[in-house]
Amino acid sequence: MIRGVGIDTVVAARIEKVVSQGDHFARGVLTDKEYTLYQPLKFRRKVEFLAGRFSVKESFSKAFGTGLGKAVGLKDVETLWDDKGNPVTTSTVYHGQIHVSISHDGQQIVTIVILEDR
């Protein structure tokens, strides 16, 4: 059964600004595993990666029904890749199935998350 659906969009220019200022924002948003994947990336790819992960966390919190805050923190949601390069999202606050899609199109990054109870 579908528990919730969340969608979010991020403008890359906002993330370009924070990436150019260093890793402080990335350290606050990304889990340790996500940050390990983020560190070696070149600037453009860092922007896409960070924007996508931030947007997934926003989408997840909307699907969860609480928004970001006490119930869902930024580091409660983690998106890595499977062996085919598809995004795989897990959470410390939700243990059902998480379906995720991340799309990059120039200056727009859009994500959708569907939470499905098992």
PDB file of N, CA and C in Angstrom:
ATOM      1  N   MET A   1       0.834  -1.167   0.000  1.00  0.00           N
ATOM      2  CA  MET A   1       0.000   0.000   0.000  1.00  0.00           C
ATOM      3  C   MET A   1       0.891   1.246   0.000  1.00  0.00           C
ATOM      4  N   ILE A   2       0.524   2.233  -0.796  1.00  0.00           N
ATOM      5  CA  ILE A   2       1.262   3.490  -0.868  1.00  0.00           C
ATOM      6  C   ILE A   2       1.025   4.278   0.413  1.00  0.00           C
ATOM      7  N   ARG A   3       2.101   4.653   1.070  1.00  0.00           N
ATOM      8  CA  ARG A   3       1.983   5.479   2.282  1.00  0.00           C
ATOM      9  C   ARG A   3       2.006   6.962   1.941  1.00  0.00           C
ATOM     10  N   GLY A   4       2.840   7.343   0.952  1.00  0.00           N
ATOM     11  CA  GLY A   4       2.930   8.749   0.603  1.00  0.00           C
ATOM     12  C   GLY A   4       3.769   8.984  -0.630  1.00  0.00           C
ATOM     13  N   VAL A   5       3.573  10.142  -1.235  1.00  0.00           N
ATOM     14  CA  VAL A   5       4.321  10.561  -2.418  1.00  0.00           C
ATOM     15  C   VAL A   5       4.834  11.970  -2.156  1.00  0.00           C
ATOM     16  N   GLY A   6       6.097  12.193  -2.479  1.00  0.00           N
ATOM     17  CA  GLY A   6       6.675  13.525  -2.323  1.00  0.00           C
ATOM     18  C   GLY A   6       7.468  13.906  -3.552  1.00  0.00           C
ATOM     19  N   ILE A   7       7.440  15.166  -3.907  1.00  0.00           N
ATOM     20  CA  ILE A   7       8.192  15.662  -5.059  1.00  0.00           C
ATOM     21  C   ILE A   7       8.882  16.954  -4.642  1.00  0.00           C
ATOM     22  N   ASP A   8      10.045  17.198  -5.223  1.00  0.00           N
ATOM     23  CA  ASP A   8      10.791  18.404  -4.899  1.00  0.00           C
ATOM     24  C   ASP A   8      11.617  18.807  -6.118  1.00  0.00           C
ATOM     25  N   THR A   9      11.929  20.093  -6.186  1.00  0.00           N
ATOM     26  CA  THR A   9      12.799  20.600  -7.244  1.00  0.00           C
ATOM     27  C   THR A   9      13.800  21.568  -6.630  1.00  0.00           C
ATOM     28  N   VAL A  10      15.001  21.569  -7.177  1.00  0.00           N
ATOM     29  CA  VAL A  10      16.071  22.455  -6.716  1.00  0.00           C
ATOM     30  C   VAL A  10      16.678  23.128  -7.939  1.00  0.00           C
ATOM     31  N   VAL A  11      16.953  24.414  -7.828  1.00  0.00           N
ATOM     32  CA  VAL A  11      17.640  25.145  -8.892  1.00  0.00           C
ATOM     33  C   VAL A  11      19.138  25.010  -8.650  1.00  0.00           C
ATOM     34  N   ALA A  12      19.849  24.524  -9.640  1.00  0.00           N
ATOM     35  CA  ALA A  12      21.278  24.237  -9.502  1.00  0.00           C
ATOM     36  C   ALA A  12      22.084  25.457  -9.072  1.00  0.00           C
ATOM     37  N   ALA A  13      21.705  26.658  -9.497  1.00  0.00           N
ATOM     38  CA  ALA A  13      22.465  27.863  -9.163  1.00  0.00           C
ATOM     39  C   ALA A  13      22.567  28.052  -7.645  1.00  0.00           C
ATOM     40  N   ARG A  14      21.530  27.694  -6.906  1.00  0.00           N
ATOM     41  CA  ARG A  14      21.572  27.802  -5.435  1.00  0.00           C
ATOM     42  C   ARG A  14      22.636  26.877  -4.862  1.00  0.00           C
ATOM     43  N   ILE A  15      22.729  25.690  -5.420  1.00  0.00           N
ATOM     44  CA  ILE A  15      23.692  24.712  -4.919  1.00  0.00           C
ATOM     45  C   ILE A  15      25.102  25.052  -5.398  1.00  0.00           C
ATOM     46  N   GLU A  16      25.221  25.607  -6.613  1.00  0.00           N
ATOM     47  CA  GLU A  16      26.538  26.041  -7.102  1.00  0.00           C
ATOM     48  C   GLU A  16      27.173  27.014  -6.115  1.00  0.00           C
ATOM     49  N   LYS A  17      26.364  27.917  -5.598  1.00  0.00           N
ATOM     50  CA  LYS A  17      26.861  28.921  -4.662  1.00  0.00           C
ATOM     51  C   LYS A  17      27.415  28.273  -3.397  1.00  0.00           C
ATOM     52  N   VAL A  18      26.669  27.344  -2.809  1.00  0.00           N
ATOM     53  CA  VAL A  18      27.148  26.721  -1.569  1.00  0.00           C
ATOM     54  C   VAL A  18      28.331  25.792  -1.806  1.00  0.00           C
ATOM     55  N   VAL A  19      28.364  25.116  -2.950  1.00  0.00           N
ATOM     56  CA  VAL A  19      29.512  24.247  -3.259  1.00  0.00           C
ATOM     57  C   VAL A  19      30.771  25.085  -3.427  1.00  0.00           C
ATOM     58  N   SER A  20      30.647  26.249  -4.055  1.00  0.00           N
ATOM     59  CA  SER A  20      31.814  27.111  -4.266  1.00  0.00           C
ATOM     60  C   SER A  20      32.351  27.673  -2.952  1.00  0.00           C
ATOM     61  N   GLN A  21      31.548  27.647  -1.896  1.00  0.00           N
ATOM     62  CA  GLN A  21      31.969  28.168  -0.591  1.00  0.00           C
ATOM     63  C   GLN A  21      32.600  27.107   0.303  1.00  0.00           C
ATOM     64  N   GLY A  22      32.732  25.887  -0.196  1.00  0.00           N
ATOM     65  CA  GLY A  22      33.347  24.826   0.603  1.00  0.00           C
ATOM     66  C   GLY A  22      32.379  23.699   0.910  1.00  0.00           C
ATOM     67  N   ASP A  23      32.767  22.849   1.856  1.00  0.00           N
ATOM     68  CA  ASP A  23      32.019  21.626   2.149  1.00  0.00           C
ATOM     69  C   ASP A  23      31.080  21.713   3.346  1.00  0.00           C
ATOM     70  N   HIS A  24      30.938  22.880   3.952  1.00  0.00           N
ATOM     71  CA  HIS A  24      30.125  22.995   5.158  1.00  0.00           C
ATOM     72  C   HIS A  24      28.675  22.529   4.927  1.00  0.00           C
ATOM     73  N   PHE A  25      28.041  23.012   3.875  1.00  0.00           N
ATOM     74  CA  PHE A  25      26.653  22.624   3.580  1.00  0.00           C
ATOM     75  C   PHE A  25      26.569  21.134   3.275  1.00  0.00           C
ATOM     76  N   ALA A  26      27.498  20.635   2.465  1.00  0.00           N
ATOM     77  CA  ALA A  26      27.499  19.209   2.112  1.00  0.00           C
ATOM     78  C   ALA A  26      27.635  18.339   3.363  1.00  0.00           C
ATOM     79  N   ARG A  27      28.498  18.726   4.297  1.00  0.00           N
ATOM     80  CA  ARG A  27      28.683  17.952   5.527  1.00  0.00           C
ATOM     81  C   ARG A  27      27.400  17.945   6.368  1.00  0.00           C
ATOM     82  N   GLY A  28      26.627  19.014   6.290  1.00  0.00           N
ATOM     83  CA  GLY A  28      25.386  19.080   7.051  1.00  0.00           C
ATOM     84  C   GLY A  28      24.238  18.312   6.431  1.00  0.00           C
ATOM     85  N   VAL A  29      24.308  18.103   5.124  1.00  0.00           N
ATOM     86  CA  VAL A  29      23.213  17.456   4.391  1.00  0.00           C
ATOM     87  C   VAL A  29      23.467  15.964   4.175  1.00  0.00           C
ATOM     88  N   LEU A  30      24.674  15.611   3.806  1.00  0.00           N
ATOM     89  CA  LEU A  30      24.988  14.249   3.379  1.00  0.00           C
ATOM     90  C   LEU A  30      25.349  13.335   4.549  1.00  0.00           C
ATOM     91  N   THR A  31      24.955  12.071   4.426  1.00  0.00           N
ATOM     92  CA  THR A  31      25.418  11.058   5.377  1.00  0.00           C
ATOM     93  C   THR A  31      26.907  10.815   5.118  1.00  0.00           C
ATOM     94  N   ASP A  32      27.551  10.085   5.994  1.00  0.00           N
ATOM     95  CA  ASP A  32      28.980   9.793   5.802  1.00  0.00           C
ATOM     96  C   ASP A  32      29.240   9.051   4.487  1.00  0.00           C
ATOM     97  N   LYS A  33      28.397   8.081   4.170  1.00  0.00           N
ATOM     98  CA  LYS A  33      28.573   7.330   2.914  1.00  0.00           C
ATOM     99  C   LYS A  33      28.345   8.226   1.701  1.00  0.00           C
ATOM    100  N   GLU A  34      27.314   9.073   1.752  1.00  0.00           N
ATOM    101  CA  GLU A  34      27.061   9.999   0.645  1.00  0.00           C
ATOM    102  C   GLU A  34      28.236  10.962   0.492  1.00  0.00           C
ATOM    103  N   TYR A  35      28.749  11.458   1.601  1.00  0.00           N
ATOM    104  CA  TYR A  35      29.860  12.416   1.559  1.00  0.00           C
ATOM    105  C   TYR A  35      31.116  11.769   0.968  1.00  0.00           C
ATOM    106  N   THR A  36      31.342  10.509   1.261  1.00  0.00           N
ATOM    107  CA  THR A  36      32.486   9.784   0.691  1.00  0.00           C
ATOM    108  C   THR A  36      32.380   9.724  -0.829  1.00  0.00           C
ATOM    109  N   LEU A  37      31.171   9.539  -1.353  1.00  0.00           N
ATOM    110  CA  LEU A  37      30.962   9.524  -2.805  1.00  0.00           C
ATOM    111  C   LEU A  37      31.088  10.928  -3.398  1.00  0.00           C
ATOM    112  N   TYR A  38      30.692  11.925  -2.645  1.00  0.00           N
ATOM    113  CA  TYR A  38      30.681  13.324  -3.084  1.00  0.00           C
ATOM    114  C   TYR A  38      32.086  13.910  -3.209  1.00  0.00           C
ATOM    115  N   GLN A  39      32.937  13.633  -2.244  1.00  0.00           N
ATOM    116  CA  GLN A  39      34.252  14.278  -2.159  1.00  0.00           C
ATOM    117  C   GLN A  39      35.090  14.252  -3.436  1.00  0.00           C
ATOM    118  N   PRO A  40      35.243  13.129  -4.114  1.00  0.00           N
ATOM    119  CA  PRO A  40      36.151  13.118  -5.275  1.00  0.00           C
ATOM    120  C   PRO A  40      35.556  13.709  -6.564  1.00  0.00           C
ATOM    121  N   LEU A  41      34.294  14.105  -6.538  1.00  0.00           N
ATOM    122  CA  LEU A  41      33.644  14.581  -7.755  1.00  0.00           C
ATOM    123  C   LEU A  41      34.178  15.950  -8.173  1.00  0.00           C
ATOM    124  N   LYS A  42      34.120  16.229  -9.473  1.00  0.00           N
ATOM    125  CA  LYS A  42      34.452  17.555  -9.993  1.00  0.00           C
ATOM    126  C   LYS A  42      33.279  18.498  -9.705  1.00  0.00           C
ATOM    127  N   PHE A  43      33.506  19.798  -9.797  1.00  0.00           N
ATOM    128  CA  PHE A  43      32.552  20.818  -9.366  1.00  0.00           C
ATOM    129  C   PHE A  43      31.138  20.581  -9.907  1.00  0.00           C
ATOM    130  N   ARG A  44      30.977  20.451 -11.205  1.00  0.00           N
ATOM    131  CA  ARG A  44      29.638  20.321 -11.804  1.00  0.00           C
ATOM    132  C   ARG A  44      28.906  19.098 -11.269  1.00  0.00           C
ATOM    133  N   ARG A  45      29.654  18.002 -11.176  1.00  0.00           N
ATOM    134  CA  ARG A  45      29.052  16.756 -10.692  1.00  0.00           C
ATOM    135  C   ARG A  45      28.719  16.866  -9.193  1.00  0.00           C
ATOM    136  N   LYS A  46      29.552  17.602  -8.436  1.00  0.00           N
ATOM    137  CA  LYS A  46      29.244  17.840  -7.019  1.00  0.00           C
ATOM    138  C   LYS A  46      27.912  18.575  -6.880  1.00  0.00           C
ATOM    139  N   VAL A  47      27.708  19.572  -7.723  1.00  0.00           N
ATOM    140  CA  VAL A  47      26.461  20.336  -7.684  1.00  0.00           C
ATOM    141  C   VAL A  47      25.274  19.411  -7.939  1.00  0.00           C
ATOM    142  N   GLU A  48      25.357  18.594  -8.982  1.00  0.00           N
ATOM    143  CA  GLU A  48      24.264  17.672  -9.308  1.00  0.00           C
ATOM    144  C   GLU A  48      24.021  16.673  -8.183  1.00  0.00           C
ATOM    145  N   PHE A  49      25.099  16.115  -7.657  1.00  0.00           N
ATOM    146  CA  PHE A  49      24.999  15.107  -6.599  1.00  0.00           C
ATOM    147  C   PHE A  49      24.355  15.708  -5.351  1.00  0.00           C
ATOM    148  N   LEU A  50      24.887  16.850  -4.900  1.00  0.00           N
ATOM    149  CA  LEU A  50      24.379  17.478  -3.681  1.00  0.00           C
ATOM    150  C   LEU A  50      22.936  17.950  -3.855  1.00  0.00           C
ATOM    151  N   ALA A  51      22.640  18.551  -4.993  1.00  0.00           N
ATOM    152  CA  ALA A  51      21.267  18.997  -5.260  1.00  0.00           C
ATOM    153  C   ALA A  51      20.312  17.812  -5.293  1.00  0.00           C
ATOM    154  N   GLY A  52      20.711  16.734  -5.935  1.00  0.00           N
ATOM    155  CA  GLY A  52      19.872  15.545  -6.013  1.00  0.00           C
ATOM    156  C   GLY A  52      19.618  14.928  -4.650  1.00  0.00           C
ATOM    157  N   ARG A  53      20.684  14.795  -3.850  1.00  0.00           N
ATOM    158  CA  ARG A  53      20.519  14.194  -2.519  1.00  0.00           C
ATOM    159  C   ARG A  53      19.664  15.086  -1.616  1.00  0.00           C
ATOM    160  N   PHE A  54      19.896  16.395  -1.655  1.00  0.00           N
ATOM    161  CA  PHE A  54      19.090  17.311  -0.850  1.00  0.00           C
ATOM    162  C   PHE A  54      17.618  17.217  -1.261  1.00  0.00           C
ATOM    163  N   SER A  55      17.368  17.190  -2.555  1.00  0.00           N
ATOM    164  CA  SER A  55      16.007  17.123  -3.067  1.00  0.00           C
ATOM    165  C   SER A  55      15.325  15.808  -2.685  1.00  0.00           C
ATOM    166  N   VAL A  56      16.070  14.699  -2.729  1.00  0.00           N
ATOM    167  CA  VAL A  56      15.491  13.410  -2.319  1.00  0.00           C
ATOM    168  C   VAL A  56      15.066  13.475  -0.854  1.00  0.00           C
ATOM    169  N   LYS A  57      15.903  14.070  -0.025  1.00  0.00           N
ATOM    170  CA  LYS A  57      15.575  14.179   1.395  1.00  0.00           C
ATOM    171  C   LYS A  57      14.306  15.020   1.600  1.00  0.00           C
ATOM    172  N   GLU A  58      14.179  16.102   0.837  1.00  0.00           N
ATOM    173  CA  GLU A  58      12.958  16.917   0.884  1.00  0.00           C
ATOM    174  C   GLU A  58      11.747  16.105   0.405  1.00  0.00           C
ATOM    175  N   SER A  59      11.903  15.419  -0.727  1.00  0.00           N
ATOM    176  CA  SER A  59      10.803  14.604  -1.256  1.00  0.00           C
ATOM    177  C   SER A  59      10.391  13.526  -0.271  1.00  0.00           C
ATOM    178  N   PHE A  60      11.382  12.877   0.335  1.00  0.00           N
ATOM    179  CA  PHE A  60      11.104  11.833   1.311  1.00  0.00           C
ATOM    180  C   PHE A  60      10.285  12.399   2.475  1.00  0.00           C
ATOM    181  N   SER A  61      10.726  13.543   3.008  1.00  0.00           N
ATOM    182  CA  SER A  61      10.031  14.110   4.167  1.00  0.00           C
ATOM    183  C   SER A  61       8.591  14.485   3.826  1.00  0.00           C
ATOM    184  N   LYS A  62       8.354  14.903   2.600  1.00  0.00           N
ATOM    185  CA  LYS A  62       6.987  15.212   2.164  1.00  0.00           C
ATOM    186  C   LYS A  62       6.159  13.942   2.045  1.00  0.00           C
ATOM    187  N   ALA A  63       6.744  12.893   1.484  1.00  0.00           N
ATOM    188  CA  ALA A  63       6.039  11.610   1.371  1.00  0.00           C
ATOM    189  C   ALA A  63       5.758  11.027   2.748  1.00  0.00           C
ATOM    190  N   PHE A  64       6.675  11.241   3.675  1.00  0.00           N
ATOM    191  CA  PHE A  64       6.525  10.753   5.045  1.00  0.00           C
ATOM    192  C   PHE A  64       5.427  11.524   5.778  1.00  0.00           C
ATOM    193  N   GLY A  65       5.153  12.731   5.304  1.00  0.00           N
ATOM    194  CA  GLY A  65       4.046  13.518   5.829  1.00  0.00           C
ATOM    195  C   GLY A  65       4.422  14.508   6.914  1.00  0.00           C
ATOM    196  N   THR A  66       5.718  14.723   7.121  1.00  0.00           N
ATOM    197  CA  THR A  66       6.127  15.598   8.222  1.00  0.00           C
ATOM    198  C   THR A  66       6.962  16.792   7.782  1.00  0.00           C
ATOM    199  N   GLY A  67       7.565  16.730   6.606  1.00  0.00           N
ATOM    200  CA  GLY A  67       8.550  17.725   6.232  1.00  0.00           C
ATOM    201  C   GLY A  67       9.820  17.479   7.035  1.00  0.00           C
ATOM    202  N   LEU A  68      10.863  18.219   6.722  1.00  0.00           N
ATOM    203  CA  LEU A  68      12.117  18.085   7.460  1.00  0.00           C
ATOM    204  C   LEU A  68      11.967  18.751   8.822  1.00  0.00           C
ATOM    205  N   GLY A  69      12.524  18.140   9.828  1.00  0.00           N
ATOM    206  CA  GLY A  69      12.440  18.694  11.182  1.00  0.00           C
ATOM    207  C   GLY A  69      12.692  17.618  12.209  1.00  0.00           C
ATOM    208  N   LYS A  70      11.834  17.554  13.211  1.00  0.00           N
ATOM    209  CA  LYS A  70      12.036  16.608  14.315  1.00  0.00           C
ATOM    210  C   LYS A  70      11.849  15.158  13.889  1.00  0.00           C
ATOM    211  N   ALA A  71      10.859  14.878  13.070  1.00  0.00           N
ATOM    212  CA  ALA A  71      10.559  13.498  12.688  1.00  0.00           C
ATOM    213  C   ALA A  71      11.521  12.957  11.643  1.00  0.00           C
ATOM    214  N   VAL A  72      11.967  13.807  10.729  1.00  0.00           N
ATOM    215  CA  VAL A  72      12.883  13.405   9.656  1.00  0.00           C
ATOM    216  C   VAL A  72      13.992  14.445   9.554  1.00  0.00           C
ATOM    217  N   GLY A  73      15.203  14.003   9.840  1.00  0.00           N
ATOM    218  CA  GLY A  73      16.369  14.864   9.682  1.00  0.00           C
ATOM    219  C   GLY A  73      17.068  14.572   8.361  1.00  0.00           C
ATOM    220  N   LEU A  74      17.923  15.488   7.942  1.00  0.00           N
ATOM    221  CA  LEU A  74      18.626  15.318   6.667  1.00  0.00           C
ATOM    222  C   LEU A  74      19.432  14.023   6.611  1.00  0.00           C
ATOM    223  N   LYS A  75      20.016  13.624   7.714  1.00  0.00           N
ATOM    224  CA  LYS A  75      20.859  12.429   7.716  1.00  0.00           C
ATOM    225  C   LYS A  75      20.082  11.149   8.013  1.00  0.00           C
ATOM    226  N   ASP A  76      18.760  11.268   8.133  1.00  0.00           N
ATOM    227  CA  ASP A  76      17.905  10.090   8.295  1.00  0.00           C
ATOM    228  C   ASP A  76      17.583   9.433   6.965  1.00  0.00           C
ATOM    229  N   VAL A  77      17.973  10.070   5.869  1.00  0.00           N
ATOM    230  CA  VAL A  77      17.676   9.573   4.524  1.00  0.00           C
ATOM    231  C   VAL A  77      18.989   9.507   3.753  1.00  0.00           C
ATOM    232  N   GLU A  78      19.239   8.355   3.123  1.00  0.00           N
ATOM    233  CA  GLU A  78      20.498   8.159   2.404  1.00  0.00           C
ATOM    234  C   GLU A  78      20.223   7.576   1.031  1.00  0.00           C
ATOM    235  N   THR A  79      20.843   8.163   0.012  1.00  0.00           N
ATOM    236  CA  THR A  79      20.693   7.660  -1.353  1.00  0.00           C
ATOM    237  C   THR A  79      22.067   7.299  -1.905  1.00  0.00           C
ATOM    238  N   LEU A  80      22.224   6.026  -2.205  1.00  0.00           N
ATOM    239  CA  LEU A  80      23.446   5.499  -2.811  1.00  0.00           C
ATOM    240  C   LEU A  80      23.066   4.933  -4.175  1.00  0.00           C
ATOM    241  N   TRP A  81      23.912   4.119  -4.771  1.00  0.00           N
ATOM    242  CA  TRP A  81      23.616   3.511  -6.072  1.00  0.00           C
ATOM    243  C   TRP A  81      23.677   2.003  -5.955  1.00  0.00           C
ATOM    244  N   ASP A  82      22.864   1.323  -6.775  1.00  0.00           N
ATOM    245  CA  ASP A  82      22.996  -0.123  -6.871  1.00  0.00           C
ATOM    246  C   ASP A  82      24.091  -0.443  -7.894  1.00  0.00           C
ATOM    247  N   ASP A  83      24.295  -1.713  -8.174  1.00  0.00           N
ATOM    248  CA  ASP A  83      25.378  -2.113  -9.084  1.00  0.00           C
ATOM    249  C   ASP A  83      25.144  -1.693 -10.532  1.00  0.00           C
ATOM    250  N   LYS A  84      23.944  -1.234 -10.861  1.00  0.00           N
ATOM    251  CA  LYS A  84      23.650  -0.746 -12.211  1.00  0.00           C
ATOM    252  C   LYS A  84      23.654   0.778 -12.287  1.00  0.00           C
ATOM    253  N   GLY A  85      23.908   1.448 -11.157  1.00  0.00           N
ATOM    254  CA  GLY A  85      23.932   2.906 -11.134  1.00  0.00           C
ATOM    255  C   GLY A  85      22.596   3.564 -10.830  1.00  0.00           C
ATOM    256  N   ASN A  86      21.602   2.768 -10.433  1.00  0.00           N
ATOM    257  CA  ASN A  86      20.294   3.316 -10.076  1.00  0.00           C
ATOM    258  C   ASN A  86      20.315   3.816  -8.631  1.00  0.00           C
ATOM    259  N   PRO A  87      19.615   4.908  -8.349  1.00  0.00           N
ATOM    260  CA  PRO A  87      19.580   5.383  -6.971  1.00  0.00           C
ATOM    261  C   PRO A  87      18.783   4.437  -6.075  1.00  0.00           C
ATOM    262  N   VAL A  88      19.314   4.203  -4.889  1.00  0.00           N
ATOM    263  CA  VAL A  88      18.662   3.366  -3.886  1.00  0.00           C
ATOM    264  C   VAL A  88      18.626   4.172  -2.595  1.00  0.00           C
ATOM    265  N   THR A  89      17.429   4.423  -2.095  1.00  0.00           N
ATOM    266  CA  THR A  89      17.264   5.249  -0.906  1.00  0.00           C
ATOM    267  C   THR A  89      16.834   4.387   0.276  1.00  0.00           C
ATOM    268  N   THR A  90      17.475   4.643   1.412  1.00  0.00           N
ATOM    269  CA  THR A  90      17.121   3.988   2.664  1.00  0.00           C
ATOM    270  C   THR A  90      16.901   5.071   3.717  1.00  0.00           C
ATOM    271  N   SER A  91      16.283   4.671   4.823  1.00  0.00           N
ATOM    272  CA  SER A  91      16.006   5.638   5.881  1.00  0.00           C
ATOM    273  C   SER A  91      16.054   4.970   7.245  1.00  0.00           C
ATOM    274  N   THR A  92      16.476   5.743   8.224  1.00  0.00           N
ATOM    275  CA  THR A  92      16.475   5.255   9.604  1.00  0.00           C
ATOM    276  C   THR A  92      15.107   5.405  10.256  1.00  0.00           C
ATOM    277  N   VAL A  93      14.207   6.156   9.635  1.00  0.00           N
ATOM    278  CA  VAL A  93      12.889   6.397  10.235  1.00  0.00           C
ATOM    279  C   VAL A  93      11.748   5.701   9.496  1.00  0.00           C
ATOM    280  N   TYR A  94      12.052   5.075   8.375  1.00  0.00           N
ATOM    281  CA  TYR A  94      11.013   4.373   7.606  1.00  0.00           C
ATOM    282  C   TYR A  94      11.609   3.091   7.061  1.00  0.00           C
ATOM    283  N   HIS A  95      10.913   1.969   7.282  1.00  0.00           N
ATOM    284  CA  HIS A  95      11.481   0.680   6.916  1.00  0.00           C
ATOM    285  C   HIS A  95      10.691  -0.050   5.835  1.00  0.00           C
ATOM    286  N   GLY A  96       9.768   0.655   5.193  1.00  0.00           N
ATOM    287  CA  GLY A  96       9.072   0.092   4.052  1.00  0.00           C
ATOM    288  C   GLY A  96       9.913   0.288   2.798  1.00  0.00           C
ATOM    289  N   GLN A  97       9.323   0.024   1.662  1.00  0.00           N
ATOM    290  CA  GLN A  97      10.026   0.195   0.388  1.00  0.00           C
ATOM    291  C   GLN A  97      10.002   1.662  -0.032  1.00  0.00           C
ATOM    292  N   ILE A  98      11.155   2.138  -0.503  1.00  0.00           N
ATOM    293  CA  ILE A  98      11.289   3.525  -0.947  1.00  0.00           C
ATOM    294  C   ILE A  98      11.620   3.514  -2.430  1.00  0.00           C
ATOM    295  N   HIS A  99      10.732   4.104  -3.230  1.00  0.00           N
ATOM    296  CA  HIS A  99      10.969   4.238  -4.665  1.00  0.00           C
ATOM    297  C   HIS A  99      11.425   5.673  -4.907  1.00  0.00           C
ATOM    298  N   VAL A 100      12.482   5.849  -5.695  1.00  0.00           N
ATOM    299  CA  VAL A 100      13.024   7.191  -5.904  1.00  0.00           C
ATOM    300  C   VAL A 100      13.410   7.383  -7.365  1.00  0.00           C
ATOM    301  N   SER A 101      13.221   8.603  -7.850  1.00  0.00           N
ATOM    302  CA  SER A 101      13.694   9.000  -9.167  1.00  0.00           C
ATOM    303  C   SER A 101      14.320  10.383  -9.043  1.00  0.00           C
ATOM    304  N   ILE A 102      15.490  10.547  -9.666  1.00  0.00           N
ATOM    305  CA  ILE A 102      16.212  11.818  -9.664  1.00  0.00           C
ATOM    306  C   ILE A 102      16.437  12.216 -11.114  1.00  0.00           C
ATOM    307  N   SER A 103      16.066  13.448 -11.460  1.00  0.00           N
ATOM    308  CA  SER A 103      16.255  13.926 -12.829  1.00  0.00           C
ATOM    309  C   SER A 103      17.011  15.252 -12.817  1.00  0.00           C
ATOM    310  N   HIS A 104      18.034  15.345 -13.669  1.00  0.00           N
ATOM    311  CA  HIS A 104      18.820  16.573 -13.825  1.00  0.00           C
ATOM    312  C   HIS A 104      18.581  17.087 -15.233  1.00  0.00           C
ATOM    313  N   ASP A 105      18.238  18.350 -15.351  1.00  0.00           N
ATOM    314  CA  ASP A 105      18.028  18.944 -16.669  1.00  0.00           C
ATOM    315  C   ASP A 105      18.548  20.376 -16.639  1.00  0.00           C
ATOM    316  N   GLY A 106      19.830  20.544 -16.876  1.00  0.00           N
ATOM    317  CA  GLY A 106      20.407  21.883 -16.850  1.00  0.00           C
ATOM    318  C   GLY A 106      20.372  22.457 -15.459  1.00  0.00           C
ATOM    319  N   GLN A 107      19.573  23.482 -15.249  1.00  0.00           N
ATOM    320  CA  GLN A 107      19.503  24.160 -13.954  1.00  0.00           C
ATOM    321  C   GLN A 107      18.443  23.575 -13.016  1.00  0.00           C
ATOM    322  N   GLN A 108      17.684  22.599 -13.450  1.00  0.00           N
ATOM    323  CA  GLN A 108      16.637  22.021 -12.610  1.00  0.00           C
ATOM    324  C   GLN A 108      16.985  20.591 -12.202  1.00  0.00           C
ATOM    325  N   ILE A 109      16.835  20.328 -10.936  1.00  0.00           N
ATOM    326  CA  ILE A 109      16.952  18.971 -10.417  1.00  0.00           C
ATOM    327  C   ILE A 109      15.604  18.654  -9.789  1.00  0.00           C
ATOM    328  N   VAL A 110      14.998  17.551 -10.204  1.00  0.00           N
ATOM    329  CA  VAL A 110      13.672  17.167  -9.722  1.00  0.00           C
ATOM    330  C   VAL A 110      13.756  15.746  -9.175  1.00  0.00           C
ATOM    331  N   THR A 111      13.115  15.541  -8.034  1.00  0.00           N
ATOM    332  CA  THR A 111      13.067  14.193  -7.461  1.00  0.00           C
ATOM    333  C   THR A 111      11.638  13.853  -7.071  1.00  0.00           C
ATOM    334  N   ILE A 112      11.377  12.565  -7.077  1.00  0.00           N
ATOM    335  CA  ILE A 112      10.095  12.058  -6.574  1.00  0.00           C
ATOM    336  C   ILE A 112      10.396  10.838  -5.705  1.00  0.00           C
ATOM    337  N   VAL A 113       9.689  10.739  -4.610  1.00  0.00           N
ATOM    338  CA  VAL A 113       9.817   9.607  -3.698  1.00  0.00           C
ATOM    339  C   VAL A 113       8.426   9.055  -3.433  1.00  0.00           C
ATOM    340  N   ILE A 114       8.318   7.740  -3.533  1.00  0.00           N
ATOM    341  CA  ILE A 114       7.081   7.034  -3.189  1.00  0.00           C
ATOM    342  C   ILE A 114       7.415   6.072  -2.056  1.00  0.00           C
ATOM    343  N   LEU A 115       6.688   6.182  -0.968  1.00  0.00           N
ATOM    344  CA  LEU A 115       6.858   5.262   0.166  1.00  0.00           C
ATOM    345  C   LEU A 115       5.768   4.211   0.108  1.00  0.00           C
ATOM    346  N   GLU A 116       6.196   2.964   0.206  1.00  0.00           N
ATOM    347  CA  GLU A 116       5.263   1.846   0.110  1.00  0.00           C
ATOM    348  C   GLU A 116       5.440   0.952   1.329  1.00  0.00           C
ATOM    349  N   ASP A 117       4.354   0.778   2.096  1.00  0.00           N
ATOM    350  CA  ASP A 117       4.403  -0.119   3.231  1.00  0.00           C
ATOM    351  C   ASP A 117       4.464  -1.559   2.720  1.00  0.00           C
ATOM    352  N   ARG A 118       5.204  -2.371   3.442  1.00  0.00           N
ATOM    353  CA  ARG A 118       5.364  -3.786   3.018  1.00  0.00           C
ATOM    354  C   ARG A 118       4.213  -4.626   3.480  1.00  0.00           C
TER     355      ARG A 118
END
